[in-house]
């Protein structure tokens, strides 16, 4: 007999959510969560840079089963981490987490109908093995040990401090110093206003602009609904409202990109000083939602620019110098600290080497099934959330579907299931998303198909129908 029925990899937002649904719907099943680090919380414990926060509202980014009760709905990392850990403690999930357990490999044996999972103990360096019926990968899609930094010429000649947000040092003091933040994504637009509070000046250096939109940090409707309906019902109403609002904005941008661009530009112009070069710094060459929109709570980035504490420089970097960053057009951005907010390194399934009956699983040769399993790989599920909406909306649906799948297998006496395409099928990239960190990694990721159930859907309403309401059986999912 294997050690566990289900082994969940990762004790972050997705892993804690998966554990909740599993023990709610299958209390008889044994499970554990393995976490390579020494703490739970995933992203929200790993990143420590100033101002770190969500870029989605917590009524949709939080769990459907646990209301978000704090006033700020665009919440900081400390609040999100507290919410995650309280959730884990409230349901006894924290007692199932095995820290300092990094999964380095997993091999499936068909005769045993079991995964043999190789574990490295990150605190001692020792190795061990855990056996399980199911492997549930909930570790997200980026590397925790390093972020992405391009090779900037002249880096070694810079006299100040260079730091990547993913490895933010506790002792870095930027007070009264000039800071250059290289990047234009969610991390950069978060860092700039936070650093500007005490720095002498902060310059956001970007090669290409991003779409940036201001959103209220607090939902004015939430307190009134809570007083009227109570926490649970108010949370459900606000969540439905925000899901619909997110979808409507995305659809508007997809169907009417020129109009969406004009609306965003108009909103930016209202937030920025008179005569500000909006088209130079906030008018990307791509359409809205070809990449994720950057949300700034209460317009804090624009406020920092209006105050003169922050500025934006757009163009190509030529080289680092002793005193800062020189642009290709000759401009010098003087800096004492350079922050390379240049993105993530994507890593599918935590870099775990998978084998099935002795044959290595080559991820680019697999196709994603319902956005949660891989063709030809038995008893393996994974959790990847939305890129065009709140991550957790999809995680909840995937976990529900996984539990329904286990129930079906129990009812019919099955122990193994495996997706297999019925004949040749055209494929396309795993994620239809233009962000640089995704584009750099497409060759390492699985593919998705051109038809259901091999599509990786980014539509919540479609996923509700497929993952929550439709049968779990499918002609291309075989059971043994």
Protein backbone atom coordinates (compact mmCIF):
# COMPACT_ATOMS: atom_id res chain seq x y z
CA UNK A 1 0.00 0.00 0.00
CA UNK A 2 1.26 3.50 -0.77
CA UNK A 3 2.01 5.92 2.07
CA UNK A 4 -0.68 8.38 0.98
CA UNK A 5 -3.69 8.63 -1.26
CA UNK A 6 -2.74 12.13 -2.43
CA UNK A 7 0.51 14.05 -2.17
CA UNK A 8 0.10 17.81 -2.71
CA UNK A 9 3.24 19.67 -3.77
CA UNK A 10 3.38 23.26 -2.51
CA UNK A 11 1.97 24.96 0.60
CA UNK A 12 0.95 28.21 -1.03
CA UNK A 13 -2.40 29.56 -2.15
CA UNK A 14 -3.12 26.63 -4.49
CA UNK A 15 -1.85 23.87 -2.21
CA UNK A 16 -3.83 25.04 0.82
CA UNK A 17 -6.92 25.35 -1.37
CA UNK A 18 -6.45 21.84 -2.78
CA UNK A 19 -6.09 20.43 0.74
CA UNK A 20 -9.32 22.10 1.87
CA UNK A 21 -11.40 20.66 -0.97
CA UNK A 22 -9.81 17.23 -0.64
CA UNK A 23 -10.49 16.84 3.06
CA UNK A 24 -13.97 18.37 2.72
CA UNK A 25 -15.09 16.01 -0.05
CA UNK A 26 -12.92 12.97 0.79
CA UNK A 27 -12.30 12.98 4.55
CA UNK A 28 -11.41 9.28 4.42
CA UNK A 29 -8.42 9.88 2.14
CA UNK A 30 -4.92 10.32 3.47
CA UNK A 31 -2.90 13.25 2.20
CA UNK A 32 0.07 15.46 2.98
CA UNK A 33 1.50 18.69 1.61
CA UNK A 34 5.23 18.88 0.93
CA UNK A 35 6.87 22.30 0.88
CA UNK A 36 10.50 22.92 -0.10
CA UNK A 37 10.77 26.04 2.02
CA UNK A 38 10.46 26.34 5.78
CA UNK A 39 7.21 28.30 5.75
CA UNK A 40 3.78 28.24 4.15
CA UNK A 41 2.32 30.94 1.95
CA UNK A 42 4.26 30.47 -1.27
CA UNK A 43 4.62 33.74 -3.18
CA UNK A 44 3.25 35.75 -0.29
CA UNK A 45 5.97 34.57 2.06
CA UNK A 46 8.80 34.46 -0.50
CA UNK A 47 8.62 38.03 -1.81
CA UNK A 48 9.66 40.73 0.66
CA UNK A 49 10.11 43.81 -1.52
CA UNK A 50 8.52 47.12 -0.42
CA UNK A 51 4.85 47.53 -1.20
CA UNK A 52 4.22 43.94 -2.32
CA UNK A 53 0.49 43.41 -2.75
CA UNK A 54 -2.10 41.63 -4.86
CA UNK A 55 -3.10 42.92 -8.28
CA UNK A 56 -6.56 41.34 -7.99
CA UNK A 57 -9.30 42.06 -5.48
CA UNK A 58 -9.34 39.64 -2.56
CA UNK A 59 -13.03 38.90 -2.96
CA UNK A 60 -12.05 36.91 -6.06
CA UNK A 61 -8.40 36.23 -5.24
CA UNK A 62 -9.39 34.78 -1.87
CA UNK A 63 -11.04 31.39 -1.45
CA UNK A 64 -14.71 30.97 -2.26
CA UNK A 65 -15.17 29.04 0.99
CA UNK A 66 -13.62 31.70 3.27
CA UNK A 67 -14.78 35.34 3.12
CA UNK A 68 -12.27 38.17 2.92
CA UNK A 69 -13.14 40.44 5.85
CA UNK A 70 -10.53 43.19 5.73
CA UNK A 71 -11.27 46.66 4.37
CA UNK A 72 -8.53 46.75 1.74
CA UNK A 73 -9.45 44.54 -1.21
CA UNK A 74 -6.19 45.26 -3.05
CA UNK A 75 -4.28 43.82 -0.12
CA UNK A 76 -0.65 43.77 0.97
CA UNK A 77 1.35 40.56 1.29
CA UNK A 78 1.21 40.52 5.09
CA UNK A 79 -2.61 40.55 5.03
CA UNK A 80 -2.78 37.84 2.37
CA UNK A 81 -0.26 35.68 4.22
CA UNK A 82 -2.23 36.04 7.44
CA UNK A 83 -5.42 35.05 5.59
CA UNK A 84 -3.73 31.94 4.10
CA UNK A 85 -2.25 30.78 7.39
CA UNK A 86 -5.46 31.39 9.31
CA UNK A 87 -7.30 29.33 6.69
CA UNK A 88 -4.80 26.49 7.02
CA UNK A 89 -4.97 26.55 10.83
CA UNK A 90 -8.76 26.79 10.95
CA UNK A 91 -9.13 23.58 8.92
CA UNK A 92 -6.17 21.68 10.38
CA UNK A 93 -4.31 21.85 7.08
CA UNK A 94 -1.21 23.30 8.71
CA UNK A 95 -0.72 20.01 10.57
CA UNK A 96 -0.45 18.17 7.23
CA UNK A 97 2.44 20.27 5.87
CA UNK A 98 5.91 18.72 5.75
CA UNK A 99 8.41 21.55 5.48
CA UNK A 100 11.87 21.39 3.89
CA UNK A 101 10.64 18.65 1.55
CA UNK A 102 11.57 19.36 -2.07
CA UNK A 103 10.25 16.99 -4.72
CA UNK A 104 13.08 16.23 -7.15
CA UNK A 105 11.53 13.39 -9.09
CA UNK A 106 8.45 11.22 -9.38
CA UNK A 107 8.13 7.86 -11.13
CA UNK A 108 4.87 6.09 -11.91
CA UNK A 109 4.60 2.32 -11.74
CA UNK A 110 1.62 0.86 -13.59
CA UNK A 111 1.85 -2.58 -11.93
CA UNK A 112 1.70 -0.90 -8.52
CA UNK A 113 -0.60 1.95 -9.62
CA UNK A 114 1.60 4.18 -7.50
CA UNK A 115 3.82 7.23 -7.71
CA UNK A 116 7.24 6.95 -6.08
CA UNK A 117 8.24 10.49 -5.18
CA UNK A 118 11.88 11.32 -4.46
CA UNK A 119 12.29 13.93 -1.74
CA UNK A 120 15.29 16.07 -0.85
CA UNK A 121 15.25 17.46 2.70
CA UNK A 122 16.41 21.02 2.15
CA UNK A 123 17.48 21.50 5.77
CA UNK A 124 19.70 18.39 6.00
CA UNK A 125 20.41 17.35 2.41
CA UNK A 126 19.10 13.85 3.09
CA UNK A 127 16.93 11.94 0.58
CA UNK A 128 13.77 9.95 1.19
CA UNK A 129 10.78 8.59 -0.72
CA UNK A 130 7.04 8.99 -0.42
CA UNK A 131 4.59 6.76 -2.29
CA UNK A 132 1.13 7.92 -3.27
CA UNK A 133 -1.83 7.10 -5.51
CA UNK A 134 -2.15 10.66 -6.82
CA UNK A 135 0.31 13.50 -7.26
CA UNK A 136 -1.19 17.00 -7.17
CA UNK A 137 1.22 19.74 -8.29
CA UNK A 138 0.25 23.07 -6.71
CA UNK A 139 3.54 24.94 -6.82
CA UNK A 140 2.69 27.52 -9.49
CA UNK A 141 4.84 28.03 -12.56
CA UNK A 142 7.92 30.02 -11.63
CA UNK A 143 11.28 29.27 -10.02
CA UNK A 144 11.55 30.21 -6.36
CA UNK A 145 15.36 30.23 -6.24
CA UNK A 146 15.98 32.89 -8.89
CA UNK A 147 14.23 35.57 -10.90
CA UNK A 148 14.99 36.64 -14.47
CA UNK A 149 17.62 39.32 -15.06
CA UNK A 150 18.91 40.18 -18.54
CA UNK A 151 22.63 40.57 -19.10
CA UNK A 152 23.08 44.32 -18.73
CA UNK A 153 26.40 45.64 -20.09
CA UNK A 154 28.49 47.51 -17.53
CA UNK A 155 26.82 45.85 -14.56
CA UNK A 156 30.11 45.19 -12.78
CA UNK A 157 31.09 48.86 -13.04
CA UNK A 158 28.07 50.19 -11.13
CA UNK A 159 29.18 51.54 -7.74
CA UNK A 160 25.85 51.19 -6.00
CA UNK A 161 23.58 48.27 -5.06
CA UNK A 162 21.81 46.03 -7.57
CA UNK A 163 18.91 43.90 -6.35
CA UNK A 164 16.23 41.70 -7.90
CA UNK A 165 12.83 41.91 -6.14
CA UNK A 166 12.73 38.13 -5.71
CA UNK A 167 15.85 38.31 -3.53
CA UNK A 168 15.17 41.55 -1.67
CA UNK A 169 17.64 41.88 1.23
CA UNK A 170 16.25 42.71 4.66
CA UNK A 171 18.98 45.28 5.31
CA UNK A 172 18.61 47.36 2.12
CA UNK A 173 17.99 50.98 3.13
CA UNK A 174 16.90 53.20 0.24
CA UNK A 175 16.04 56.22 2.38
CA UNK A 176 17.27 59.43 0.78
CA UNK A 177 18.84 57.54 -2.13
CA UNK A 178 18.22 57.67 -5.87
CA UNK A 179 16.60 54.46 -7.12
CA UNK A 180 16.19 53.18 -10.67
CA UNK A 181 13.58 50.44 -11.09
CA UNK A 182 14.06 48.60 -14.40
CA UNK A 183 10.77 47.13 -15.57
CA UNK A 184 7.19 48.04 -16.39
CA UNK A 185 5.12 45.15 -15.06
CA UNK A 186 3.18 44.52 -11.87
CA UNK A 187 6.30 44.39 -9.68
CA UNK A 188 7.72 47.65 -11.02
CA UNK A 189 4.49 49.63 -10.66
CA UNK A 190 4.18 48.31 -7.09
CA UNK A 191 7.77 49.15 -6.13
CA UNK A 192 7.94 52.68 -7.51
CA UNK A 193 5.31 54.34 -5.26
CA UNK A 194 6.42 52.32 -2.21
CA UNK A 195 10.08 53.31 -2.64
CA UNK A 196 9.16 56.91 -3.45
CA UNK A 197 7.80 57.41 0.07
CA UNK A 198 11.33 57.69 1.48
CA UNK A 199 13.77 57.67 -1.45
CA UNK A 200 15.26 60.88 -2.82
CA UNK A 201 13.80 60.00 -6.21
CA UNK A 202 12.62 56.87 -8.04
CA UNK A 203 12.85 56.43 -11.80
CA UNK A 204 10.99 53.64 -13.56
CA UNK A 205 13.11 52.66 -16.56
CA UNK A 206 11.10 50.73 -19.12
CA UNK A 207 11.85 49.47 -22.59
CA UNK A 208 8.15 49.18 -23.46
CA UNK A 209 5.16 50.72 -21.62
CA UNK A 210 2.47 48.63 -19.97
CA UNK A 211 -1.20 49.39 -19.53
CA UNK A 212 -1.68 50.80 -16.04
CA UNK A 213 -5.11 51.40 -14.51
CA UNK A 214 -6.07 52.79 -11.13
CA UNK A 215 -8.52 50.85 -8.95
CA UNK A 216 -9.96 51.56 -5.49
CA UNK A 217 -8.02 49.86 -2.71
CA UNK A 218 -11.32 49.51 -0.83
CA UNK A 219 -14.70 48.42 -2.13
CA UNK A 220 -17.19 51.06 -0.92
CA UNK A 221 -20.07 48.59 -1.29
CA UNK A 222 -18.53 45.90 0.92
CA UNK A 223 -19.05 47.44 4.40
CA UNK A 224 -22.68 48.30 3.63
CA UNK A 225 -23.44 44.82 2.33
CA UNK A 226 -21.78 43.20 5.33
CA UNK A 227 -23.94 45.25 7.68
CA UNK A 228 -27.04 44.37 5.69
CA UNK A 229 -26.40 40.71 4.81
CA UNK A 230 -23.65 39.48 7.14
CA UNK A 231 -20.15 38.36 6.16
CA UNK A 232 -20.98 35.16 4.29
CA UNK A 233 -23.79 36.41 2.05
CA UNK A 234 -22.16 39.79 1.45
CA UNK A 235 -18.94 38.08 0.38
CA UNK A 236 -20.84 35.87 -2.08
CA UNK A 237 -22.63 38.87 -3.62
CA UNK A 238 -19.46 40.97 -3.96
CA UNK A 239 -17.55 38.01 -5.37
CA UNK A 240 -20.17 37.46 -8.09
CA UNK A 241 -20.19 41.18 -8.87
CA UNK A 242 -16.40 41.29 -9.21
CA UNK A 243 -16.22 38.13 -11.32
CA UNK A 244 -18.73 39.67 -13.72
CA UNK A 245 -16.87 42.98 -13.71
CA UNK A 246 -13.50 41.33 -14.45
CA UNK A 247 -15.01 39.36 -17.30
CA UNK A 248 -16.77 42.39 -18.77
CA UNK A 249 -13.56 44.44 -18.80
CA UNK A 250 -11.59 41.61 -20.42
CA UNK A 251 -14.27 41.05 -23.08
CA UNK A 252 -14.49 44.76 -23.84
CA UNK A 253 -10.71 44.91 -24.33
CA UNK A 254 -10.76 41.83 -26.57
CA UNK A 255 -13.70 42.92 -28.71
CA UNK A 256 -12.97 46.63 -28.89
CA UNK A 257 -9.21 47.06 -28.43
CA UNK A 258 -9.04 50.53 -29.99
CA UNK A 259 -11.84 51.84 -27.80
CA UNK A 260 -10.29 50.18 -24.72
CA UNK A 261 -6.95 51.83 -25.50
CA UNK A 262 -8.66 55.24 -25.73
CA UNK A 263 -10.49 54.72 -22.43
CA UNK A 264 -7.32 53.67 -20.58
CA UNK A 265 -5.41 56.61 -22.08
CA UNK A 266 -8.16 59.02 -21.00
CA UNK A 267 -8.11 57.63 -17.46
CA UNK A 268 -4.31 57.91 -17.32
CA UNK A 269 -4.41 61.51 -18.58
CA UNK A 270 -6.76 62.46 -15.74
CA UNK A 271 -4.33 60.98 -13.19
CA UNK A 272 -1.13 62.54 -14.58
CA UNK A 273 0.12 66.14 -14.59
CA UNK A 274 -1.08 68.48 -17.34
CA UNK A 275 1.01 68.09 -20.49
CA UNK A 276 2.52 64.78 -19.36
CA UNK A 277 3.76 62.63 -22.32
CA UNK A 278 1.18 59.87 -21.83
CA UNK A 279 1.74 58.31 -25.25
CA UNK A 280 5.47 57.96 -24.60
CA UNK A 281 5.22 56.28 -21.21
CA UNK A 282 1.76 54.69 -20.92
CA UNK A 283 0.67 53.72 -24.44
CA UNK A 284 1.95 50.19 -25.26
CA UNK A 285 2.40 48.93 -28.82
CA UNK A 286 0.11 45.93 -28.12
CA UNK A 287 -3.62 45.81 -27.41
CA UNK A 288 -5.10 45.83 -23.89
CA UNK A 289 -5.07 42.38 -22.25
CA UNK A 290 -2.59 40.93 -24.76
CA UNK A 291 -0.62 41.13 -21.54
CA UNK A 292 -2.04 41.55 -18.06
CA UNK A 293 -3.18 45.04 -17.08
CA UNK A 294 -1.21 46.54 -14.18
CA UNK A 295 -3.48 47.70 -11.36
CA UNK A 296 -2.37 50.53 -9.06
CA UNK A 297 -4.52 50.90 -5.92
CA UNK A 298 -5.94 54.40 -5.54
CA UNK A 299 -3.63 55.47 -8.38
CA UNK A 300 -0.56 55.42 -6.13
CA UNK A 301 1.90 55.29 -9.05
CA UNK A 302 0.30 58.31 -10.70
CA UNK A 303 0.26 60.14 -7.37
CA UNK A 304 4.00 59.54 -6.95
CA UNK A 305 4.61 60.94 -10.45
CA UNK A 306 2.43 64.00 -9.75
CA UNK A 307 4.36 64.72 -6.56
CA UNK A 308 7.68 64.72 -8.40
CA UNK A 309 9.00 61.87 -6.25
CA UNK A 310 8.90 59.47 -9.21
CA UNK A 311 9.40 59.68 -12.95
CA UNK A 312 9.38 57.37 -15.97
CA UNK A 313 12.03 56.95 -18.66
CA UNK A 314 11.10 54.90 -21.72
CA UNK A 315 13.70 53.55 -24.12
CA UNK A 316 16.45 51.01 -24.62
CA UNK A 317 19.23 50.67 -22.04
CA UNK A 318 22.72 51.03 -23.46
CA UNK A 319 24.79 50.22 -20.39
CA UNK A 320 25.11 50.53 -16.65
CA UNK A 321 27.65 53.13 -15.60
CA UNK A 322 29.37 53.83 -12.30
CA UNK A 323 26.57 56.28 -11.44
CA UNK A 324 23.45 54.70 -12.91
CA UNK A 325 21.92 53.67 -16.22
CA UNK A 326 22.74 55.21 -19.58
CA UNK A 327 20.04 54.96 -22.22
CA UNK A 328 20.66 54.35 -25.93
CA UNK A 329 19.76 57.98 -26.67
CA UNK A 330 22.46 59.19 -24.27
CA UNK A 331 20.28 60.09 -21.27
CA UNK A 332 21.73 59.15 -17.88
CA UNK A 333 19.44 57.92 -15.11
CA UNK A 334 21.45 58.58 -11.96
CA UNK A 335 21.03 55.96 -9.26
CA UNK A 336 22.48 54.71 -6.00
CA UNK A 337 20.29 51.58 -6.13
CA UNK A 338 19.19 49.68 -9.24
CA UNK A 339 16.24 47.28 -8.93
CA UNK A 340 15.95 44.77 -11.77
CA UNK A 341 12.18 44.18 -11.76
CA UNK A 342 12.62 42.24 -14.98
CA UNK A 343 10.42 39.23 -14.36
CA UNK A 344 10.30 35.60 -13.38
CA UNK A 345 11.87 32.39 -14.61
CA UNK A 346 9.10 29.96 -15.46
CA UNK A 347 9.51 26.39 -14.26
CA UNK A 348 6.80 23.83 -14.89
CA UNK A 349 5.92 21.54 -11.96
CA UNK A 350 8.79 22.86 -9.87
CA UNK A 351 11.35 21.29 -12.17
CA UNK A 352 10.31 17.78 -11.06
CA UNK A 353 11.52 15.01 -13.36
CA UNK A 354 8.57 12.75 -14.17
CA UNK A 355 8.78 9.22 -15.52
CA UNK A 356 6.02 6.76 -16.41
CA UNK A 357 7.03 3.09 -16.31
CA UNK A 358 10.64 4.06 -16.78
CA UNK A 359 10.05 6.44 -19.68
CA UNK A 360 10.82 10.14 -19.05
CA UNK A 361 7.88 12.49 -19.52
CA UNK A 362 8.85 15.18 -22.03
CA UNK A 363 6.54 18.05 -21.16
CA UNK A 364 6.58 19.76 -24.59
CA UNK A 365 5.32 16.49 -26.08
CA UNK A 366 2.33 16.33 -23.73
CA UNK A 367 -1.02 18.09 -24.13
CA UNK A 368 -2.97 19.64 -21.29
CA UNK A 369 -6.32 17.99 -20.52
CA UNK A 370 -8.98 20.34 -19.07
CA UNK A 371 -6.14 22.53 -17.87
CA UNK A 372 -5.37 20.09 -15.04
CA UNK A 373 -3.84 16.82 -16.34
CA UNK A 374 -1.29 15.75 -18.97
CA UNK A 375 -1.82 13.39 -21.88
CA UNK A 376 -0.37 9.95 -21.22
CA UNK A 377 0.42 10.68 -17.56
CA UNK A 378 -1.76 8.77 -15.06
CA UNK A 379 -2.99 10.05 -11.71
CA UNK A 380 -1.30 13.43 -11.92
CA UNK A 381 -3.17 16.72 -11.54
CA UNK A 382 -1.88 20.27 -11.41
CA UNK A 383 -3.25 23.71 -10.54
CA UNK A 384 -2.54 26.68 -12.80
CA UNK A 385 -4.83 29.68 -12.38
CA UNK A 386 -6.03 32.40 -14.70
CA UNK A 387 -3.74 34.92 -16.36
CA UNK A 388 -6.62 37.24 -17.32
CA UNK A 389 -8.45 37.23 -13.99
CA UNK A 390 -7.92 36.25 -10.36
CA UNK A 391 -5.67 33.18 -10.13
CA UNK A 392 -7.75 31.52 -7.44
CA UNK A 393 -11.02 31.51 -9.39
CA UNK A 394 -9.66 28.71 -11.55
CA UNK A 395 -7.88 26.92 -8.69
CA UNK A 396 -11.16 26.43 -6.85
CA UNK A 397 -12.86 24.96 -9.92
CA UNK A 398 -9.94 22.63 -10.66
CA UNK A 399 -9.93 21.35 -7.08
CA UNK A 400 -13.68 20.74 -7.16
CA UNK A 401 -13.34 18.82 -10.43
CA UNK A 402 -10.46 16.78 -9.04
CA UNK A 403 -12.58 15.76 -6.05
CA UNK A 404 -15.50 14.85 -8.33
CA UNK A 405 -13.12 12.73 -10.39
CA UNK A 406 -11.99 10.84 -7.28
CA UNK A 407 -15.62 10.28 -6.30
CA UNK A 408 -16.39 8.84 -9.74
CA UNK A 409 -13.41 6.50 -9.52
CA UNK A 410 -14.46 5.31 -6.07
CA UNK A 411 -17.99 4.66 -7.24
CA UNK A 412 -16.84 2.51 -10.14
CA UNK A 413 -13.89 0.80 -8.49
CA UNK A 414 -11.20 2.52 -10.57
CA UNK A 415 -7.75 3.30 -9.21
CA UNK A 416 -6.09 4.80 -12.30
CA UNK A 417 -7.13 7.36 -14.91
CA UNK A 418 -5.16 8.73 -17.82
CA UNK A 419 -6.07 11.25 -20.55
CA UNK A 420 -5.32 10.22 -24.14
CA UNK A 421 -6.19 12.18 -27.30
CA UNK A 422 -8.33 10.27 -29.77
CA UNK A 423 -6.12 10.58 -32.81
CA UNK A 424 -3.88 13.37 -34.13
CA UNK A 425 -4.69 16.87 -32.94
CA UNK A 426 -3.38 20.33 -33.74
CA UNK A 427 -1.76 22.02 -30.74
CA UNK A 428 -0.76 25.51 -29.70
CA UNK A 429 1.18 27.08 -26.79
CA UNK A 430 0.15 26.13 -23.27
CA UNK A 431 -0.74 29.74 -22.39
CA UNK A 432 -1.98 32.25 -24.98
CA UNK A 433 -0.33 35.13 -23.17
CA UNK A 434 2.15 37.73 -24.40
CA UNK A 435 4.11 38.33 -21.19
CA UNK A 436 7.87 37.98 -21.70
CA UNK A 437 8.35 35.45 -18.89
CA UNK A 438 5.77 33.16 -20.53
CA UNK A 439 7.11 33.62 -24.06
CA UNK A 440 10.66 32.75 -22.94
CA UNK A 441 9.49 29.41 -21.53
CA UNK A 442 6.99 28.14 -24.09
CA UNK A 443 9.43 25.53 -25.40
CA UNK A 444 9.65 23.93 -21.94
CA UNK A 445 5.92 23.73 -21.26
CA UNK A 446 3.18 21.29 -22.27
CA UNK A 447 0.96 22.22 -25.22
CA UNK A 448 -2.79 22.72 -25.36
CA UNK A 449 -5.12 21.38 -28.02
CA UNK A 450 -7.32 23.14 -30.51
CA UNK A 451 -10.54 21.67 -29.11
CA UNK A 452 -12.17 20.71 -25.83
CA UNK A 453 -11.29 19.06 -23.51
CA UNK A 454 -7.69 19.82 -24.51
CA UNK A 455 -8.06 23.59 -24.33
CA UNK A 456 -6.63 25.52 -21.39
CA UNK A 457 -9.60 27.78 -20.82
CA UNK A 458 -9.24 31.31 -19.44
CA UNK A 459 -12.99 31.82 -19.21
CA UNK A 460 -14.52 31.43 -15.75
CA UNK A 461 -18.09 30.91 -16.99
CA UNK A 462 -16.97 28.21 -19.45
CA UNK A 463 -14.95 26.53 -16.72
CA UNK A 464 -17.92 26.53 -14.35
CA UNK A 465 -19.84 24.53 -16.95
CA UNK A 466 -16.99 22.13 -17.71
CA UNK A 467 -15.35 21.68 -14.31
CA UNK A 468 -18.25 22.13 -11.90
CA UNK A 469 -21.37 21.09 -13.80
CA UNK A 470 -20.42 18.74 -16.65
CA UNK A 471 -19.70 15.01 -16.04
CA UNK A 472 -16.11 14.11 -15.19
CA UNK A 473 -16.17 11.26 -17.70
CA UNK A 474 -14.95 11.82 -21.21
CA UNK A 475 -14.19 9.49 -24.16
CA UNK A 476 -10.58 10.68 -24.02
CA UNK A 477 -10.12 9.92 -20.33
CA UNK A 478 -9.51 6.23 -19.73
CA UNK A 479 -10.03 4.42 -16.40
CA UNK A 480 -8.44 1.20 -15.12
